[in-house]
Amino acid sequence: MEKALVPKQPRLLIVRGKRICLVRGDLQLLAVEDTCPHNGESLSKGAVNFLGEIVCPWHGQQFNLKTGRECAERSRDLVTYPVKEDPEGIFIGI
């Protein structure tokens, strides 16, 4: 799976029925809920900006990938998930 994770390109994962947006950042893997709390759009269809924020493809709301915080405080923050990567694979705590 590691080769399929292009840096700063969001990827949708469905783990135990949860939609998770996974992003390989500069130094680590980051995982947040995939659904924008503002309008329900899939964040994995969005982009990661130069600040390392996931940008909703519909209305452009920006969320910090490390904290889940919506940068302009217009909606609730995203749920974040801990990610562990080791030689055996990638593990997401849900």
N, C-alpha and C. Protein backbone atom coordinates (compact mmCIF):
# COMPACT_ATOMS: atom_id res chain seq x y z
N MET A 1 0.82 -1.19 0.00
CA MET A 1 0.00 0.00 0.00
C MET A 1 0.86 1.26 0.00
N GLU A 2 2.04 1.20 0.60
CA GLU A 2 2.88 2.39 0.72
C GLU A 2 3.15 3.04 -0.62
N LYS A 3 3.42 2.25 -1.66
CA LYS A 3 3.71 2.81 -2.97
C LYS A 3 2.49 3.51 -3.57
N ALA A 4 1.30 3.11 -3.14
CA ALA A 4 0.09 3.71 -3.68
C ALA A 4 -0.22 5.05 -3.02
N LEU A 5 0.47 5.39 -1.95
CA LEU A 5 0.22 6.64 -1.24
C LEU A 5 1.16 7.73 -1.75
N VAL A 6 0.65 8.53 -2.65
CA VAL A 6 1.40 9.64 -3.21
C VAL A 6 1.40 10.77 -2.18
N PRO A 7 2.56 11.37 -1.88
CA PRO A 7 2.60 12.46 -0.90
C PRO A 7 1.61 13.58 -1.24
N LYS A 8 0.89 14.01 -0.20
CA LYS A 8 -0.08 15.11 -0.26
C LYS A 8 -1.25 14.87 -1.20
N GLN A 9 -1.50 13.61 -1.54
CA GLN A 9 -2.67 13.27 -2.36
C GLN A 9 -3.63 12.46 -1.49
N PRO A 10 -4.79 13.04 -1.14
CA PRO A 10 -5.74 12.35 -0.26
C PRO A 10 -6.22 11.04 -0.87
N ARG A 11 -6.45 10.08 0.02
CA ARG A 11 -6.93 8.77 -0.42
C ARG A 11 -8.06 8.32 0.51
N LEU A 12 -9.14 7.85 -0.07
CA LEU A 12 -10.27 7.37 0.70
C LEU A 12 -10.04 5.93 1.12
N LEU A 13 -10.24 5.67 2.41
CA LEU A 13 -10.24 4.32 2.95
C LEU A 13 -11.57 4.12 3.65
N ILE A 14 -12.11 2.92 3.57
CA ILE A 14 -13.29 2.58 4.34
C ILE A 14 -12.88 1.45 5.28
N VAL A 15 -12.86 1.78 6.58
CA VAL A 15 -12.40 0.85 7.60
C VAL A 15 -13.54 0.62 8.59
N ARG A 16 -14.02 -0.61 8.64
CA ARG A 16 -15.13 -0.96 9.53
C ARG A 16 -16.30 0.00 9.37
N GLY A 17 -16.61 0.35 8.14
CA GLY A 17 -17.74 1.20 7.83
C GLY A 17 -17.48 2.69 7.98
N LYS A 18 -16.29 3.08 8.44
CA LYS A 18 -15.95 4.49 8.59
C LYS A 18 -15.19 4.97 7.36
N ARG A 19 -15.59 6.12 6.84
CA ARG A 19 -14.89 6.74 5.70
C ARG A 19 -13.76 7.58 6.26
N ILE A 20 -12.54 7.24 5.88
CA ILE A 20 -11.35 7.92 6.40
C ILE A 20 -10.55 8.48 5.23
N CYS A 21 -10.11 9.72 5.40
CA CYS A 21 -9.24 10.37 4.43
C CYS A 21 -7.80 10.23 4.93
N LEU A 22 -6.98 9.51 4.19
CA LEU A 22 -5.59 9.26 4.57
C LEU A 22 -4.68 10.07 3.66
N VAL A 23 -3.69 10.76 4.27
CA VAL A 23 -2.76 11.59 3.52
C VAL A 23 -1.35 11.33 4.01
N ARG A 24 -0.44 11.11 3.07
CA ARG A 24 0.99 11.04 3.43
C ARG A 24 1.50 12.48 3.43
N GLY A 25 1.78 13.00 4.63
CA GLY A 25 2.32 14.35 4.77
C GLY A 25 3.82 14.35 4.55
N ASP A 26 4.45 15.46 4.90
CA ASP A 26 5.90 15.57 4.73
C ASP A 26 6.65 14.57 5.60
N LEU A 27 6.18 14.38 6.84
CA LEU A 27 6.91 13.53 7.78
C LEU A 27 6.15 12.32 8.28
N GLN A 28 4.83 12.28 8.04
CA GLN A 28 4.04 11.19 8.60
C GLN A 28 2.74 10.98 7.84
N LEU A 29 2.09 9.87 8.16
CA LEU A 29 0.75 9.62 7.64
C LEU A 29 -0.26 10.27 8.58
N LEU A 30 -1.29 10.87 8.00
CA LEU A 30 -2.32 11.54 8.77
C LEU A 30 -3.68 11.03 8.31
N ALA A 31 -4.60 10.87 9.27
CA ALA A 31 -5.93 10.36 8.94
C ALA A 31 -6.99 11.20 9.65
N VAL A 32 -7.99 11.60 8.88
CA VAL A 32 -9.14 12.35 9.41
C VAL A 32 -10.41 11.75 8.83
N GLU A 33 -11.55 12.10 9.44
CA GLU A 33 -12.80 11.63 8.85
C GLU A 33 -12.90 12.19 7.44
N ASP A 34 -13.53 11.47 6.56
CA ASP A 34 -13.57 11.85 5.15
C ASP A 34 -14.68 12.84 4.81
N THR A 35 -15.67 12.99 5.67
CA THR A 35 -16.83 13.82 5.35
C THR A 35 -16.67 15.23 5.88
N CYS A 36 -16.79 16.22 5.02
CA CYS A 36 -16.74 17.62 5.43
C CYS A 36 -17.96 17.91 6.32
N PRO A 37 -17.75 18.44 7.53
CA PRO A 37 -18.87 18.71 8.41
C PRO A 37 -19.77 19.86 7.93
N HIS A 38 -19.28 20.64 7.00
CA HIS A 38 -20.06 21.78 6.49
C HIS A 38 -21.14 21.33 5.52
N ASN A 39 -20.77 20.43 4.59
CA ASN A 39 -21.75 20.07 3.56
C ASN A 39 -21.78 18.59 3.20
N GLY A 40 -20.95 17.78 3.86
CA GLY A 40 -20.98 16.35 3.62
C GLY A 40 -20.15 15.86 2.45
N GLU A 41 -19.43 16.73 1.77
CA GLU A 41 -18.60 16.33 0.64
C GLU A 41 -17.43 15.46 1.11
N SER A 42 -16.97 14.57 0.26
CA SER A 42 -15.84 13.70 0.55
C SER A 42 -14.54 14.51 0.47
N LEU A 43 -13.82 14.58 1.59
CA LEU A 43 -12.56 15.33 1.61
C LEU A 43 -11.46 14.65 0.80
N SER A 44 -11.58 13.35 0.60
CA SER A 44 -10.58 12.65 -0.20
C SER A 44 -10.63 13.07 -1.67
N LYS A 45 -11.69 13.78 -2.07
CA LYS A 45 -11.78 14.34 -3.43
C LYS A 45 -11.10 15.71 -3.49
N GLY A 46 -10.70 16.24 -2.33
CA GLY A 46 -10.08 17.55 -2.26
C GLY A 46 -8.58 17.50 -2.49
N ALA A 47 -7.92 18.56 -2.07
CA ALA A 47 -6.48 18.68 -2.25
C ALA A 47 -5.84 19.10 -0.94
N VAL A 48 -4.53 18.90 -0.85
CA VAL A 48 -3.76 19.37 0.29
C VAL A 48 -3.02 20.62 -0.16
N ASN A 49 -3.19 21.71 0.59
CA ASN A 49 -2.53 22.96 0.21
C ASN A 49 -1.10 23.04 0.74
N PHE A 50 -0.42 24.15 0.48
CA PHE A 50 0.99 24.30 0.85
C PHE A 50 1.17 24.37 2.37
N LEU A 51 0.10 24.61 3.12
CA LEU A 51 0.17 24.64 4.59
C LEU A 51 -0.07 23.27 5.21
N GLY A 52 -0.33 22.28 4.37
CA GLY A 52 -0.62 20.94 4.88
C GLY A 52 -2.04 20.78 5.36
N GLU A 53 -2.95 21.55 4.83
CA GLU A 53 -4.37 21.47 5.19
C GLU A 53 -5.13 20.75 4.08
N ILE A 54 -6.13 19.97 4.46
CA ILE A 54 -7.01 19.37 3.46
C ILE A 54 -8.08 20.41 3.12
N VAL A 55 -8.31 20.60 1.83
CA VAL A 55 -9.25 21.61 1.36
C VAL A 55 -10.46 20.91 0.76
N CYS A 56 -11.65 21.22 1.28
CA CYS A 56 -12.88 20.63 0.77
C CYS A 56 -13.08 21.05 -0.68
N PRO A 57 -13.37 20.08 -1.57
CA PRO A 57 -13.51 20.41 -2.99
C PRO A 57 -14.78 21.20 -3.31
N TRP A 58 -15.73 21.25 -2.40
CA TRP A 58 -16.99 21.91 -2.70
C TRP A 58 -16.95 23.40 -2.37
N HIS A 59 -16.70 23.76 -1.12
CA HIS A 59 -16.71 25.16 -0.72
C HIS A 59 -15.35 25.68 -0.26
N GLY A 60 -14.32 24.87 -0.33
CA GLY A 60 -12.97 25.32 -0.03
C GLY A 60 -12.63 25.45 1.44
N GLN A 61 -13.46 24.89 2.34
CA GLN A 61 -13.09 24.96 3.75
C GLN A 61 -11.79 24.18 3.97
N GLN A 62 -10.96 24.70 4.86
CA GLN A 62 -9.63 24.13 5.09
C GLN A 62 -9.56 23.56 6.50
N PHE A 63 -8.99 22.36 6.60
CA PHE A 63 -8.87 21.67 7.88
C PHE A 63 -7.42 21.25 8.10
N ASN A 64 -6.91 21.52 9.31
CA ASN A 64 -5.57 21.09 9.68
C ASN A 64 -5.57 19.57 9.78
N LEU A 65 -4.69 18.92 9.05
CA LEU A 65 -4.67 17.46 9.03
C LEU A 65 -4.18 16.87 10.35
N LYS A 66 -3.38 17.58 11.10
CA LYS A 66 -2.87 17.05 12.37
C LYS A 66 -3.89 17.17 13.49
N THR A 67 -4.61 18.27 13.53
CA THR A 67 -5.54 18.53 14.64
C THR A 67 -7.01 18.37 14.26
N GLY A 68 -7.32 18.42 12.97
CA GLY A 68 -8.70 18.37 12.50
C GLY A 68 -9.41 19.72 12.55
N ARG A 69 -8.74 20.73 13.05
CA ARG A 69 -9.38 22.04 13.24
C ARG A 69 -9.72 22.71 11.92
N GLU A 70 -10.95 23.24 11.83
CA GLU A 70 -11.36 24.00 10.66
C GLU A 70 -10.75 25.38 10.81
N CYS A 71 -9.96 25.79 9.85
CA CYS A 71 -9.08 26.95 9.98
C CYS A 71 -9.80 28.28 10.20
N ALA A 72 -11.00 28.46 9.68
CA ALA A 72 -11.72 29.72 9.85
C ALA A 72 -12.84 29.61 10.88
N GLU A 73 -12.92 28.46 11.56
CA GLU A 73 -13.92 28.21 12.59
C GLU A 73 -15.35 28.42 12.10
N ARG A 74 -15.64 27.94 10.89
CA ARG A 74 -16.98 28.04 10.30
C ARG A 74 -17.81 26.78 10.52
N SER A 75 -17.16 25.70 10.93
CA SER A 75 -17.87 24.45 11.18
C SER A 75 -17.13 23.69 12.28
N ARG A 76 -17.68 22.59 12.68
CA ARG A 76 -17.00 21.79 13.70
C ARG A 76 -15.70 21.22 13.14
N ASP A 77 -14.82 20.83 14.02
CA ASP A 77 -13.55 20.24 13.62
C ASP A 77 -13.76 18.79 13.17
N LEU A 78 -12.78 18.28 12.43
CA LEU A 78 -12.81 16.89 11.98
C LEU A 78 -12.35 15.95 13.08
N VAL A 79 -12.84 14.74 13.05
CA VAL A 79 -12.32 13.68 13.89
C VAL A 79 -10.99 13.24 13.28
N THR A 80 -9.96 13.11 14.12
CA THR A 80 -8.65 12.63 13.66
C THR A 80 -8.44 11.21 14.18
N TYR A 81 -7.62 10.46 13.49
CA TYR A 81 -7.33 9.09 13.87
C TYR A 81 -5.82 8.89 13.97
N PRO A 82 -5.35 8.21 15.02
CA PRO A 82 -3.91 7.92 15.10
C PRO A 82 -3.51 6.91 14.03
N VAL A 83 -2.33 7.12 13.47
CA VAL A 83 -1.82 6.24 12.43
C VAL A 83 -0.44 5.73 12.83
N LYS A 84 -0.23 4.45 12.66
CA LYS A 84 1.07 3.84 12.93
C LYS A 84 1.50 3.13 11.65
N GLU A 85 2.73 3.36 11.26
CA GLU A 85 3.27 2.69 10.07
C GLU A 85 4.53 1.94 10.48
N ASP A 86 4.58 0.67 10.15
CA ASP A 86 5.77 -0.13 10.42
C ASP A 86 5.95 -1.13 9.28
N PRO A 87 6.97 -1.95 9.32
CA PRO A 87 7.21 -2.89 8.21
C PRO A 87 6.05 -3.84 7.93
N GLU A 88 5.18 -4.07 8.91
CA GLU A 88 4.05 -4.97 8.70
C GLU A 88 2.88 -4.30 7.99
N GLY A 89 2.85 -2.97 8.00
CA GLY A 89 1.75 -2.27 7.33
C GLY A 89 1.41 -0.95 7.97
N ILE A 90 0.24 -0.45 7.62
CA ILE A 90 -0.29 0.80 8.14
C ILE A 90 -1.49 0.46 9.02
N PHE A 91 -1.50 1.02 10.23
CA PHE A 91 -2.55 0.73 11.20
C PHE A 91 -3.22 2.04 11.61
N ILE A 92 -4.55 2.08 11.55
CA ILE A 92 -5.32 3.27 11.91
C ILE A 92 -6.18 2.93 13.12
N GLY A 93 -6.04 3.73 14.16
CA GLY A 93 -6.84 3.52 15.37
C GLY A 93 -8.22 4.14 15.21
N ILE A 94 -9.26 3.31 15.24
CA ILE A 94 -10.61 3.86 15.09
C ILE A 94 -11.45 3.58 16.33
